[in-house]
Amino acid sequence: TYSADFNLPLAFVDVRGTFSNRTELKKLNRLAATRLMPAEKLAALGSWLREAYPKESLNGAWKKLLFNHFHDIMAGSHTDDVYQQAMNRYASIVDASDEIAEKALDAISRRIDTSELRYPLLVFNPFSFSRTDVCRYIAVFREHVEDFSLYNDRGEEMPYRILDKRLRENKGIRTILFEFLAEDVPPLGYVVYSIIPRNPKKNEEAVRFSQSNCIENEFYRVELDRESGYVRSIFDKVNGREVLDSSNSLGNELIAIKEEEPDLEGRLGLTDRVFRGKDYPECTIGCERTPLASVLKVEGKFEGCRRVQEIILYHEIPRIDFRTTLVDFKGQDLFVKVCFPLRLDREKVSIKHEMPYCVSKRPEGYYCAQSFVDCSDESYGVALINKGTAGYWVENGKLEMVLLRAIHDYKGYYAPLAAEEGTHVFEYSLYPHPADGVRSDVVKIAHGFNSPLLVMGTDEHPGEWGRRRSFVSVVPEEFEVTVVKKTEDGDGILLRGWETTGRDAQVTIEFSRPLKEAWLVSLAEERISPLQVQENRVTFPCKGFEIVSVMVTP
């Protein structure tokens, strides 16, 4: 448990404001990391297929990412010139990662039998645990198509949700952006889906719109307050209990606090001028229901901007996704956060923050977390998952995430962009669950939310592989493989992972091809001890939260 850690009484100086300075920088940092790590894994798997390993491109991207992690860059405590250079580096990392991943996925797809599939889709899971999750794809049709069906590898028709559709003059689809559910995608592996054009179905009500303030799926029932549009109730249908305590506050409520002389170097200047979302009651509520998901959309005013908030419940996905957009935000030295008042036993609540390769308890206060903070009493818990907005304020039964910190006319150095004027989009997710120590499913869901399944269209061709395959799998799944790369000497493949629950485990990693040898190695890839190879498997002990690196030679 950390006791000071930048919170009062402060050991040195107040730098907590740096958790949420330059919010677009922090969001792009997360995006760059979650694109680069899967690209590196794919490149390593591609090298098994005798594809060239893009070592220079990967090293260049990693150097840019780590350079941006210098404390005055990542903290947002810098001039606008430094900010723009850092944003450009992040953008180049994303571009390079996408190019590397696309080449590796294409090499994999060439070996898959997609015969008799007109529009095959390769769905790849970059994690070492199996996943059922939503993915997005933009389809471009080379023929006249007015409608289509989507099928999984078992030939079962799957639901999808259209997000954008562009038509030709003859009413055929030119491009379409849609999302769909990919079920049980193998660990570090793929499954093939397919698009089949069809004639439009008559009298089909695939999408229904209304002004309802309530949606539900098999896991939750979410109800909005009609006056404000904030969340009055989240009922957990599986565990038979209410998630929120809405007696004094509502869920997903925006709160802005005025700062006096805020400092980009980190010092908070919070005042008693607080702007509550419920003080801006006029809003419109719309509801969309499809076979894939139910969505509530709220539009209204907030301090210095207009707010658009979406709440999404997907079928078969046990989390609640949120997307909040602050439209034409005016800045004004504001500290903006989103609040979830939890119905937990406050005397027994344990607050856990994810940190790199660890989940640790912390007291109430304003802290930084990796991808989630979890609050649990002895029987129930709720995790709030971020996508780069890593500052959390937990106090008095409320789990809050800071969306941005706007600093107008900073006197320290030239930084007008720190006012954050403009439109900002924030994505986050809530995951209620029974309490059970550090749960591995919280880590899985948080990491999956941040790193979506990868989708690539391919063509019809023969191949030696089937339509479902795992390259690397792990037992137990509580051990997460985070790194797959070529070793620095180029002679083998390095896998690095960590135990995610804090419990000791005996770990077995299985590969899709036989191995010649395997070694436990250090972080510097120095050999420590050999591992016994049993055909295509290696086994080793691992302590709770331990980082383990394994080098294998196929």
Protein backbone atom coordinates (compact mmCIF):
# COMPACT_ATOMS: atom_id res chain seq x y z
CA THR A 1 0.00 0.00 0.00
CA TYR A 2 1.32 3.42 -0.97
CA SER A 3 0.75 6.12 1.67
CA ALA A 4 2.11 9.37 0.24
CA ASP A 5 2.74 8.86 -3.49
CA PHE A 6 2.07 12.45 -4.57
CA ASN A 7 -0.97 12.84 -2.28
CA LEU A 8 -1.13 15.03 0.81
CA PRO A 9 0.87 15.15 3.01
CA LEU A 10 3.26 15.49 0.10
CA ALA A 11 6.78 14.18 0.43
CA PHE A 12 8.25 16.74 -1.97
CA VAL A 13 5.92 18.84 -4.12
CA ASP A 14 2.41 18.59 -5.57
CA VAL A 15 2.72 17.08 -9.05
CA ARG A 16 -0.71 15.42 -9.19
CA GLY A 17 -1.90 17.75 -11.91
CA THR A 18 0.46 16.05 -14.34
CA PHE A 19 -1.77 12.95 -14.24
CA SER A 20 -4.29 14.78 -16.45
CA ASN A 21 -2.38 17.59 -18.23
CA ARG A 22 -2.49 17.46 -22.03
CA THR A 23 -5.21 14.83 -22.20
CA GLU A 24 -4.92 14.24 -25.97
CA LEU A 25 -1.22 13.43 -25.50
CA LYS A 26 -2.04 10.81 -22.90
CA LYS A 27 -4.79 9.25 -25.02
CA LEU A 28 -2.49 9.08 -28.04
CA ASN A 29 0.26 7.55 -25.88
CA ARG A 30 -2.10 4.70 -24.96
CA LEU A 31 -3.17 4.25 -28.57
CA ALA A 32 0.45 4.12 -29.78
CA ALA A 33 1.37 1.50 -27.17
CA THR A 34 -1.66 -0.68 -27.90
CA ARG A 35 -0.87 -0.60 -31.62
CA LEU A 36 2.88 -1.21 -31.29
CA MET A 37 2.76 -4.19 -28.93
CA PRO A 38 0.41 -6.34 -31.11
CA ALA A 39 2.40 -5.33 -34.21
CA GLU A 40 5.58 -6.64 -32.59
CA LYS A 41 3.85 -9.91 -31.67
CA LEU A 42 2.56 -10.35 -35.19
CA ALA A 43 5.98 -9.60 -36.69
CA ALA A 44 7.54 -12.28 -34.46
CA LEU A 45 4.89 -14.82 -35.48
CA GLY A 46 5.49 -13.84 -39.10
CA SER A 47 9.19 -14.59 -38.68
CA TRP A 48 8.20 -18.19 -37.88
CA LEU A 49 6.77 -18.25 -41.40
CA ARG A 50 10.14 -17.09 -42.73
CA GLU A 51 8.87 -13.57 -43.28
CA ALA A 52 11.45 -10.80 -42.83
CA TYR A 53 11.41 -9.42 -39.28
CA PRO A 54 11.14 -5.57 -39.37
CA LYS A 55 13.68 -5.03 -36.59
CA GLU A 56 14.71 -1.52 -37.63
CA SER A 57 11.12 -0.31 -37.96
CA LEU A 58 10.18 -1.80 -34.58
CA ASN A 59 13.25 -0.40 -32.85
CA GLY A 60 12.59 3.02 -34.35
CA ALA A 61 9.00 2.98 -33.09
CA TRP A 62 10.04 1.83 -29.61
CA LYS A 63 12.70 4.55 -29.38
CA LYS A 64 10.12 7.21 -30.23
CA LEU A 65 7.65 5.83 -27.69
CA LEU A 66 10.25 5.66 -24.92
CA PHE A 67 11.57 9.13 -25.79
CA ASN A 68 8.05 10.46 -25.29
CA HIS A 69 8.00 8.80 -21.86
CA PHE A 70 10.56 11.30 -20.60
CA HIS A 71 8.88 12.80 -17.53
CA ASP A 72 8.40 16.36 -18.81
CA ILE A 73 6.86 15.05 -22.06
CA MET A 74 4.55 12.38 -20.68
CA ALA A 75 3.56 14.64 -17.79
CA GLY A 76 2.41 17.37 -20.15
CA SER A 77 4.62 19.94 -18.43
CA HIS A 78 6.11 21.49 -21.55
CA THR A 79 5.72 24.16 -24.23
CA ASP A 80 3.39 23.79 -27.18
CA ASP A 81 6.32 23.18 -29.51
CA VAL A 82 7.35 20.13 -27.46
CA TYR A 83 3.71 19.02 -27.36
CA GLN A 84 3.29 19.13 -31.13
CA GLN A 85 6.55 17.24 -31.72
CA ALA A 86 5.48 14.56 -29.24
CA MET A 87 2.07 14.21 -30.92
CA ASN A 88 3.78 13.82 -34.30
CA ARG A 89 6.02 11.07 -32.88
CA TYR A 90 2.99 9.22 -31.53
CA ALA A 91 1.22 9.50 -34.89
CA SER A 92 4.26 8.06 -36.66
CA ILE A 93 4.33 5.15 -34.17
CA VAL A 94 0.70 4.36 -34.95
CA ASP A 95 1.36 4.49 -38.70
CA ALA A 96 4.45 2.28 -38.47
CA SER A 97 2.67 -0.22 -36.20
CA ASP A 98 -0.31 -0.48 -38.54
CA GLU A 99 1.99 -1.12 -41.51
CA ILE A 100 3.93 -3.84 -39.65
CA ALA A 101 0.74 -5.51 -38.42
CA GLU A 102 -0.89 -5.43 -41.86
CA LYS A 103 2.11 -7.11 -43.51
CA ALA A 104 2.24 -9.84 -40.87
CA LEU A 105 -1.51 -10.45 -41.01
CA ASP A 106 -1.32 -10.72 -44.78
CA ALA A 107 1.46 -13.31 -44.49
CA ILE A 108 -0.68 -15.31 -42.05
CA SER A 109 -3.78 -15.01 -44.25
CA ARG A 110 -1.91 -16.46 -47.26
CA ARG A 111 -1.65 -19.77 -45.40
CA ILE A 112 -5.32 -20.01 -44.45
CA ASP A 113 -7.81 -21.89 -46.61
CA THR A 114 -10.47 -19.32 -47.51
CA SER A 115 -11.84 -21.26 -50.49
CA GLU A 116 -15.45 -20.48 -51.40
CA LEU A 117 -15.54 -17.36 -49.20
CA ARG A 118 -16.31 -14.22 -51.24
CA TYR A 119 -15.31 -11.69 -48.61
CA PRO A 120 -13.22 -13.42 -45.87
CA LEU A 121 -12.30 -11.49 -42.71
CA LEU A 122 -9.32 -12.50 -40.59
CA VAL A 123 -9.90 -11.69 -36.91
CA PHE A 124 -6.72 -11.84 -34.81
CA ASN A 125 -6.46 -11.88 -31.00
CA PRO A 126 -3.15 -10.35 -29.79
CA PHE A 127 -3.54 -11.65 -26.22
CA SER A 128 -2.57 -14.97 -24.66
CA PHE A 129 -6.12 -15.65 -23.45
CA SER A 130 -9.18 -16.44 -25.57
CA ARG A 131 -11.58 -13.55 -26.13
CA THR A 132 -15.15 -12.77 -27.09
CA ASP A 133 -15.35 -9.12 -28.01
CA VAL A 134 -16.62 -6.55 -30.48
CA CYS A 135 -14.50 -5.56 -33.49
CA ARG A 136 -14.88 -2.98 -36.23
CA TYR A 137 -14.29 -3.21 -39.94
CA ILE A 138 -14.70 -0.99 -43.01
CA ALA A 139 -15.88 -3.06 -46.00
CA VAL A 140 -15.39 -1.87 -49.58
CA PHE A 141 -17.47 -3.80 -52.11
CA ARG A 142 -16.23 -4.42 -55.64
CA GLU A 143 -19.69 -5.37 -56.90
CA HIS A 144 -23.26 -4.14 -56.51
CA VAL A 145 -24.24 -5.00 -52.93
CA GLU A 146 -27.32 -3.60 -51.20
CA ASP A 147 -27.17 -5.75 -48.07
CA PHE A 148 -25.12 -8.60 -46.59
CA SER A 149 -24.95 -11.26 -43.90
CA LEU A 150 -21.97 -12.06 -41.67
CA TYR A 151 -20.98 -15.63 -40.78
CA ASN A 152 -18.51 -17.13 -38.31
CA ASP A 153 -16.18 -20.05 -38.98
CA ARG A 154 -18.95 -22.52 -38.08
CA GLY A 155 -21.30 -21.08 -40.71
CA GLU A 156 -23.55 -19.39 -38.15
CA GLU A 157 -24.98 -15.97 -39.02
CA MET A 158 -23.76 -13.26 -36.66
CA PRO A 159 -25.34 -9.90 -35.77
CA TYR A 160 -23.65 -6.63 -36.66
CA ARG A 161 -24.29 -2.93 -36.13
CA ILE A 162 -23.84 -0.34 -38.87
CA LEU A 163 -21.97 2.79 -37.81
CA ASP A 164 -21.60 4.48 -41.21
CA LYS A 165 -22.70 3.62 -44.76
CA ARG A 166 -21.88 5.37 -48.07
CA LEU A 167 -23.89 4.49 -51.18
CA ARG A 168 -23.29 4.67 -54.91
CA GLU A 169 -25.78 6.37 -57.23
CA ASN A 170 -27.38 2.99 -57.98
CA LYS A 171 -28.03 2.48 -54.21
CA GLY A 172 -25.29 -0.11 -53.90
CA ILE A 173 -22.99 0.08 -50.91
CA ARG A 174 -19.67 1.79 -51.63
CA THR A 175 -18.21 1.52 -48.12
CA ILE A 176 -19.67 0.50 -44.80
CA LEU A 177 -18.28 0.75 -41.26
CA PHE A 178 -19.78 -1.85 -38.97
CA GLU A 179 -19.03 -3.63 -35.72
CA PHE A 180 -19.68 -7.27 -34.95
CA LEU A 181 -19.17 -9.84 -32.22
CA ALA A 182 -16.23 -12.23 -32.60
CA GLU A 183 -16.74 -15.21 -30.31
CA ASP A 184 -14.07 -17.26 -28.56
CA VAL A 185 -11.13 -16.04 -30.64
CA PRO A 186 -8.16 -18.30 -29.74
CA PRO A 187 -5.22 -16.93 -27.74
CA LEU A 188 -2.56 -15.32 -29.94
CA GLY A 189 -4.50 -16.71 -32.83
CA TYR A 190 -7.17 -16.08 -35.40
CA VAL A 191 -10.63 -17.02 -36.60
CA VAL A 192 -12.08 -16.41 -40.07
CA TYR A 193 -15.42 -14.67 -40.58
CA SER A 194 -17.04 -14.01 -43.94
CA ILE A 195 -19.35 -11.47 -45.57
CA ILE A 196 -22.00 -12.83 -47.95
CA PRO A 197 -23.93 -10.32 -50.10
CA ARG A 198 -27.71 -10.78 -50.07
CA ASN A 199 -30.91 -9.11 -51.20
CA PRO A 200 -32.42 -6.68 -48.67
CA LYS A 201 -34.82 -8.41 -46.31
CA LYS A 202 -38.33 -7.02 -46.30
CA ASN A 203 -40.06 -5.94 -43.08
CA GLU A 204 -36.91 -6.60 -41.07
CA GLU A 205 -36.58 -4.45 -37.95
CA ALA A 206 -32.88 -4.90 -37.28
CA VAL A 207 -32.61 -1.40 -35.78
CA ARG A 208 -35.20 0.21 -33.52
CA PHE A 209 -35.08 3.80 -32.31
CA SER A 210 -37.03 5.31 -29.44
CA GLN A 211 -36.85 7.87 -26.65
CA SER A 212 -36.62 5.25 -23.93
CA ASN A 213 -34.35 6.00 -20.96
CA CYS A 214 -33.59 2.33 -20.25
CA ILE A 215 -31.59 -0.43 -21.95
CA GLU A 216 -30.61 -3.94 -20.89
CA ASN A 217 -28.82 -7.10 -21.95
CA GLU A 218 -28.31 -10.45 -20.25
CA PHE A 219 -25.96 -8.83 -17.69
CA TYR A 220 -27.27 -5.36 -16.79
CA ARG A 221 -30.21 -3.01 -16.83
CA VAL A 222 -29.24 0.67 -17.16
CA GLU A 223 -31.71 3.47 -16.44
CA LEU A 224 -31.16 7.20 -16.95
CA ASP A 225 -32.61 10.11 -15.03
CA ARG A 226 -34.93 11.69 -17.58
CA GLU A 227 -34.28 15.26 -16.47
CA SER A 228 -30.46 15.24 -16.47
CA GLY A 229 -29.60 12.24 -18.66
CA TYR A 230 -27.18 10.85 -16.10
CA VAL A 231 -27.36 7.26 -14.83
CA ARG A 232 -29.87 6.64 -12.05
CA SER A 233 -29.47 2.88 -11.88
CA ILE A 234 -27.24 0.05 -13.04
CA PHE A 235 -28.79 -3.23 -11.96
CA ASP A 236 -26.55 -6.30 -12.11
CA LYS A 237 -28.93 -9.04 -13.28
CA VAL A 238 -26.41 -11.86 -12.80
CA ASN A 239 -25.63 -11.03 -9.16
CA GLY A 240 -29.06 -9.55 -8.36
CA ARG A 241 -27.95 -6.19 -6.97
CA GLU A 242 -27.73 -2.47 -7.66
CA VAL A 243 -24.31 -1.12 -8.62
CA LEU A 244 -24.83 2.61 -7.92
CA ASP A 245 -25.81 4.64 -4.87
CA SER A 246 -27.78 7.44 -6.53
CA SER A 247 -29.13 8.96 -3.33
CA ASN A 248 -26.90 12.05 -3.64
CA SER A 249 -25.10 11.69 -7.00
CA LEU A 250 -25.82 10.09 -10.35
CA GLY A 251 -23.58 7.82 -12.40
CA ASN A 252 -21.57 9.09 -15.38
CA GLU A 253 -22.17 12.64 -14.11
CA LEU A 254 -19.72 15.28 -15.31
CA ILE A 255 -18.14 17.47 -12.63
CA ALA A 256 -15.89 20.47 -13.28
CA ILE A 257 -13.86 22.24 -10.61
CA LYS A 258 -12.46 25.71 -11.14
CA GLU A 259 -8.73 26.01 -10.54
CA GLU A 260 -6.96 29.17 -9.39
CA GLU A 261 -3.53 29.74 -10.94
CA PRO A 262 -3.09 26.09 -11.98
CA ASP A 263 0.45 24.98 -12.71
CA LEU A 264 1.43 22.78 -15.66
CA GLU A 265 4.28 21.52 -13.52
CA GLY A 266 1.65 19.73 -11.46
CA ARG A 267 0.43 21.87 -8.57
CA LEU A 268 -3.35 21.73 -8.24
CA GLY A 269 -5.22 24.97 -7.56
CA LEU A 270 -8.68 23.54 -6.91
CA THR A 271 -11.26 25.97 -5.52
CA ASP A 272 -14.74 25.55 -4.04
CA ARG A 273 -16.37 26.56 -7.36
CA VAL A 274 -17.85 23.28 -8.56
CA PHE A 275 -20.02 22.81 -11.65
CA ARG A 276 -22.22 19.72 -11.43
CA GLY A 277 -23.74 18.04 -14.46
CA LYS A 278 -27.15 17.93 -12.78
CA ASP A 279 -27.13 21.76 -12.70
CA TYR A 280 -27.56 21.67 -16.51
CA PRO A 281 -30.77 19.62 -16.64
CA GLU A 282 -32.05 20.17 -20.18
CA CYS A 283 -31.15 17.24 -22.40
CA THR A 284 -32.44 14.90 -25.07
CA ILE A 285 -32.32 11.11 -24.75
CA GLY A 286 -32.34 8.70 -27.67
CA CYS A 287 -32.28 4.91 -27.63
CA GLU A 288 -31.06 2.50 -30.33
CA ARG A 289 -31.61 -1.25 -30.15
CA THR A 290 -30.00 -3.74 -32.53
CA PRO A 291 -29.38 -7.51 -32.33
CA LEU A 292 -25.78 -6.71 -31.34
CA ALA A 293 -26.14 -3.83 -28.88
CA SER A 294 -28.42 -1.37 -27.13
CA VAL A 295 -27.31 2.26 -26.95
CA LEU A 296 -28.49 5.28 -24.97
CA LYS A 297 -27.42 8.67 -26.34
CA VAL A 298 -27.73 11.87 -24.31
CA GLU A 299 -27.16 15.37 -25.62
CA GLY A 300 -27.18 18.48 -23.45
CA LYS A 301 -25.17 21.36 -22.03
CA PHE A 302 -22.27 21.41 -19.61
CA GLU A 303 -19.93 24.11 -18.35
CA GLY A 304 -18.35 25.81 -21.33
CA CYS A 305 -19.40 23.17 -23.86
CA ARG A 306 -22.04 20.80 -25.15
CA ARG A 307 -21.96 17.18 -24.02
CA VAL A 308 -22.81 14.03 -25.97
CA GLN A 309 -22.76 10.84 -23.89
CA GLU A 310 -23.34 7.30 -25.12
CA ILE A 311 -23.83 4.20 -23.00
CA ILE A 312 -23.49 0.88 -24.81
CA LEU A 313 -24.51 -2.62 -23.72
CA TYR A 314 -23.30 -5.36 -26.06
CA HIS A 315 -24.77 -8.84 -25.96
CA GLU A 316 -22.33 -11.43 -24.56
CA ILE A 317 -19.99 -8.67 -23.25
CA PRO A 318 -20.12 -8.31 -19.41
CA ARG A 319 -19.00 -4.68 -19.28
CA ILE A 320 -20.74 -1.30 -19.72
CA ASP A 321 -19.05 0.95 -22.29
CA PHE A 322 -19.22 4.75 -22.22
CA ARG A 323 -18.26 7.38 -24.78
CA THR A 324 -18.38 11.02 -23.64
CA THR A 325 -17.76 13.89 -26.06
CA LEU A 326 -17.19 17.47 -24.92
CA VAL A 327 -18.09 19.55 -27.98
CA ASP A 328 -16.45 22.96 -28.46
CA PHE A 329 -14.93 22.97 -24.98
CA LYS A 330 -13.83 26.49 -23.95
CA GLY A 331 -11.08 25.73 -21.42
CA GLN A 332 -11.40 28.21 -18.52
CA ASP A 333 -8.99 26.61 -16.01
CA LEU A 334 -11.24 23.62 -15.33
CA PHE A 335 -10.53 20.22 -13.81
CA VAL A 336 -13.15 17.89 -15.37
CA LYS A 337 -14.00 14.41 -14.11
CA VAL A 338 -16.74 11.80 -14.41
CA CYS A 339 -18.32 10.29 -11.29
CA PHE A 340 -19.73 6.89 -10.33
CA PRO A 341 -21.15 6.68 -6.77
CA LEU A 342 -20.90 3.02 -5.76
CA ARG A 343 -23.21 0.99 -3.55
CA LEU A 344 -20.50 -0.76 -1.54
CA ASP A 345 -19.74 -1.14 2.17
CA ARG A 346 -17.48 1.91 2.55
CA GLU A 347 -15.94 0.58 5.76
CA LYS A 348 -14.71 -2.52 3.95
CA VAL A 349 -13.77 -1.15 0.53
CA SER A 350 -10.33 -1.98 -0.84
CA ILE A 351 -9.03 0.29 -3.62
CA LYS A 352 -6.71 -1.36 -6.13
CA HIS A 353 -4.82 0.41 -8.91
CA GLU A 354 -3.25 -1.37 -11.85
CA MET A 355 0.39 -0.43 -12.34
CA PRO A 356 2.83 -1.88 -14.86
CA TYR A 357 2.95 -5.64 -14.15
CA CYS A 358 1.19 -5.29 -10.79
CA VAL A 359 -2.12 -4.50 -9.08
CA SER A 360 -1.65 -2.67 -5.78
CA LYS A 361 -3.78 -1.27 -2.97
CA ARG A 362 -3.87 2.47 -2.45
CA PRO A 363 -5.76 4.70 -0.03
CA GLU A 364 -8.41 7.25 -0.97
CA GLY A 365 -7.16 10.21 -2.97
CA TYR A 366 -6.06 11.27 -6.43
CA TYR A 367 -3.71 8.74 -8.03
CA CYS A 368 -2.60 7.56 -11.44
CA ALA A 369 -3.37 4.03 -12.68
CA GLN A 370 -2.43 2.04 -15.74
CA SER A 371 -5.74 0.89 -17.25
CA PHE A 372 -8.13 0.49 -14.31
CA VAL A 373 -9.00 1.15 -10.69
CA ASP A 374 -11.07 -1.43 -8.83
CA CYS A 375 -13.12 -0.79 -5.67
CA SER A 376 -14.30 -3.90 -3.84
CA ASP A 377 -15.78 -4.74 -0.46
CA GLU A 378 -15.95 -8.29 0.87
CA SER A 379 -18.73 -9.38 -1.51
CA TYR A 380 -18.76 -7.11 -4.58
CA GLY A 381 -16.57 -4.87 -6.69
CA VAL A 382 -16.57 -2.40 -9.57
CA ALA A 383 -13.67 -1.62 -11.93
CA LEU A 384 -13.51 1.61 -13.95
CA ILE A 385 -11.37 1.16 -17.07
CA ASN A 386 -9.70 4.01 -18.94
CA LYS A 387 -8.24 4.49 -22.44
CA GLY A 388 -5.39 6.80 -21.53
CA THR A 389 -7.12 9.09 -19.02
CA ALA A 390 -5.27 7.55 -16.11
CA GLY A 391 -6.01 9.98 -13.26
CA TYR A 392 -8.49 8.64 -10.66
CA TRP A 393 -10.03 10.30 -7.63
CA VAL A 394 -11.56 7.84 -5.16
CA GLU A 395 -13.17 9.30 -2.06
CA ASN A 396 -16.34 9.07 0.06
CA GLY A 397 -17.78 6.13 -1.86
CA LYS A 398 -17.28 7.73 -5.27
CA LEU A 399 -15.11 6.29 -8.02
CA GLU A 400 -14.15 9.19 -10.30
CA MET A 401 -11.95 9.42 -13.38
CA VAL A 402 -10.39 12.72 -14.46
CA LEU A 403 -11.04 13.41 -18.15
CA LEU A 404 -8.96 16.53 -18.60
CA ARG A 405 -7.26 19.44 -16.90
CA ALA A 406 -7.54 22.71 -18.80
CA ILE A 407 -5.04 25.50 -18.08
CA HIS A 408 -5.79 28.85 -19.69
CA ASP A 409 -3.08 31.49 -20.16
CA TYR A 410 -0.34 29.66 -18.28
CA LYS A 411 2.35 32.09 -17.07
CA GLY A 412 5.26 29.67 -16.79
CA TYR A 413 5.96 29.19 -20.50
CA TYR A 414 4.25 29.34 -23.89
CA ALA A 415 1.47 26.74 -23.74
CA PRO A 416 -1.85 28.09 -25.10
CA LEU A 417 -2.84 24.58 -26.28
CA ALA A 418 -2.95 23.50 -22.62
CA ALA A 419 -6.29 25.31 -22.45
CA GLU A 420 -7.66 22.24 -24.29
CA GLU A 421 -10.09 24.31 -26.36
CA GLY A 422 -11.95 22.22 -28.93
CA THR A 423 -13.76 18.87 -29.01
CA HIS A 424 -12.62 15.90 -26.93
CA VAL A 425 -13.81 12.28 -27.01
CA PHE A 426 -13.32 9.96 -24.02
CA GLU A 427 -13.93 6.22 -23.89
CA TYR A 428 -14.14 4.25 -20.65
CA SER A 429 -15.89 1.19 -19.31
CA LEU A 430 -17.41 -0.09 -16.09
CA TYR A 431 -17.07 -3.72 -15.02
CA PRO A 432 -19.04 -4.86 -11.92
CA HIS A 433 -18.09 -8.25 -10.50
CA PRO A 434 -18.19 -10.43 -7.37
CA ALA A 435 -15.27 -9.66 -5.05
CA ASP A 436 -12.51 -12.25 -5.02
CA GLY A 437 -9.10 -10.73 -4.31
CA VAL A 438 -7.31 -9.56 -7.47
CA ARG A 439 -9.44 -11.09 -10.22
CA SER A 440 -7.77 -12.04 -13.47
CA ASP A 441 -10.94 -11.28 -15.41
CA VAL A 442 -10.65 -7.60 -14.44
CA VAL A 443 -7.18 -7.48 -16.01
CA LYS A 444 -8.38 -9.36 -19.10
CA ILE A 445 -11.38 -7.11 -19.64
CA ALA A 446 -9.37 -3.92 -19.02
CA HIS A 447 -6.62 -4.93 -21.43
CA GLY A 448 -9.12 -6.18 -24.01
CA PHE A 449 -11.03 -2.89 -23.87
CA ASN A 450 -7.79 -1.04 -24.61
CA SER A 451 -6.54 -3.35 -27.36
CA PRO A 452 -9.35 -4.42 -29.71
CA LEU A 453 -9.31 -7.52 -31.86
CA LEU A 454 -7.58 -6.89 -35.19
CA VAL A 455 -9.55 -7.37 -38.40
CA MET A 456 -8.21 -7.59 -41.95
CA GLY A 457 -10.02 -8.42 -45.15
CA THR A 458 -8.44 -10.99 -47.43
CA ASP A 459 -9.48 -12.87 -50.58
CA GLU A 460 -10.53 -16.36 -51.61
CA HIS A 461 -7.56 -18.73 -51.88
CA PRO A 462 -6.40 -22.22 -50.86
CA GLY A 463 -4.16 -22.78 -47.83
CA GLU A 464 -2.85 -25.45 -45.48
CA TRP A 465 -4.35 -23.93 -42.31
CA GLY A 466 -7.93 -24.10 -41.09
CA ARG A 467 -10.19 -21.20 -40.23
CA ARG A 468 -9.35 -21.20 -36.53
CA ARG A 469 -5.86 -21.48 -35.03
CA SER A 470 -3.84 -20.52 -31.95
CA PHE A 471 -0.10 -19.92 -32.27
CA VAL A 472 0.63 -19.62 -28.53
CA SER A 473 -1.59 -20.55 -25.58
CA VAL A 474 -1.01 -20.40 -21.83
CA VAL A 475 -2.31 -22.38 -18.84
CA PRO A 476 -3.40 -20.88 -16.54
CA GLU A 477 -4.73 -17.81 -18.36
CA GLU A 478 -3.92 -15.75 -15.25
CA PHE A 479 -0.41 -15.57 -16.70
CA GLU A 480 -0.56 -12.96 -19.44
CA VAL A 481 2.02 -12.90 -22.23
CA THR A 482 2.62 -9.21 -22.96
CA VAL A 483 5.67 -9.44 -25.26
CA VAL A 484 6.45 -11.70 -28.22
CA LYS A 485 9.51 -10.59 -30.20
CA LYS A 486 12.65 -11.82 -31.93
CA THR A 487 15.58 -12.00 -29.54
CA GLU A 488 18.15 -9.26 -29.92
CA ASP A 489 20.69 -11.76 -31.29
CA GLY A 490 18.07 -12.96 -33.78
CA ASP A 491 18.40 -16.66 -32.88
CA GLY A 492 15.08 -17.21 -31.12
CA ILE A 493 11.71 -15.88 -30.00
CA LEU A 494 11.32 -14.12 -26.67
CA LEU A 495 8.08 -14.27 -24.69
CA ARG A 496 7.62 -12.12 -21.61
CA GLY A 497 4.64 -12.19 -19.29
CA TRP A 498 3.40 -11.72 -15.74
CA GLU A 499 1.15 -13.40 -13.23
CA THR A 500 -1.91 -11.11 -12.90
CA THR A 501 -3.55 -12.14 -9.60
CA GLY A 502 -0.72 -12.09 -7.06
CA ARG A 503 -0.86 -15.88 -6.61
CA ASP A 504 1.94 -18.38 -7.33
CA ALA A 505 1.33 -20.59 -10.35
CA GLN A 506 2.80 -23.36 -12.46
CA VAL A 507 2.71 -22.03 -16.02
CA THR A 508 2.64 -24.04 -19.25
CA ILE A 509 3.10 -22.32 -22.61
CA GLU A 510 2.10 -24.33 -25.68
CA PHE A 511 3.18 -23.46 -29.21
CA SER A 512 1.69 -24.43 -32.56
CA ARG A 513 4.97 -25.99 -33.70
CA PRO A 514 7.71 -28.12 -32.08
CA LEU A 515 10.57 -26.46 -30.19
CA LYS A 516 14.27 -27.26 -30.20
CA GLU A 517 15.15 -25.62 -26.88
CA ALA A 518 13.87 -23.15 -24.29
CA TRP A 519 15.49 -21.00 -21.61
CA LEU A 520 14.48 -18.78 -18.75
CA VAL A 521 16.21 -15.48 -19.44
CA SER A 522 16.60 -12.11 -17.76
CA LEU A 523 15.04 -8.84 -18.91
CA ALA A 524 18.33 -8.27 -20.76
CA GLU A 525 17.84 -11.68 -22.48
CA GLU A 526 20.75 -13.27 -20.61
CA ARG A 527 20.29 -17.01 -20.15
CA ILE A 528 19.45 -18.10 -16.58
CA SER A 529 18.47 -21.77 -16.78
CA PRO A 530 17.26 -24.25 -19.41
CA LEU A 531 13.64 -25.39 -19.54
CA GLN A 532 12.59 -28.92 -20.39
CA VAL A 533 10.85 -29.04 -23.76
CA GLN A 534 8.01 -31.53 -24.20
CA GLU A 535 7.30 -31.50 -27.96
CA ASN A 536 5.77 -28.01 -28.22
CA ARG A 537 5.35 -27.12 -24.52
CA VAL A 538 7.42 -25.63 -21.73
CA THR A 539 6.52 -25.37 -18.04
CA PHE A 540 7.95 -23.16 -15.28
CA PRO A 541 7.01 -21.86 -11.82
CA CYS A 542 5.93 -18.24 -11.40
CA LYS A 543 5.37 -16.19 -8.24
CA GLY A 544 2.48 -13.78 -7.85
CA PHE A 545 2.97 -10.65 -10.02
CA GLU A 546 6.35 -12.00 -11.13
CA ILE A 547 7.65 -11.03 -14.59
CA VAL A 548 9.06 -14.05 -16.44
CA SER A 549 10.94 -14.05 -19.76
CA VAL A 550 11.28 -17.23 -21.83
CA MET A 551 13.41 -17.67 -24.96
CA VAL A 552 12.50 -20.47 -27.36
CA THR A 553 14.09 -21.75 -30.54
CA PRO A 554 11.61 -23.31 -32.99
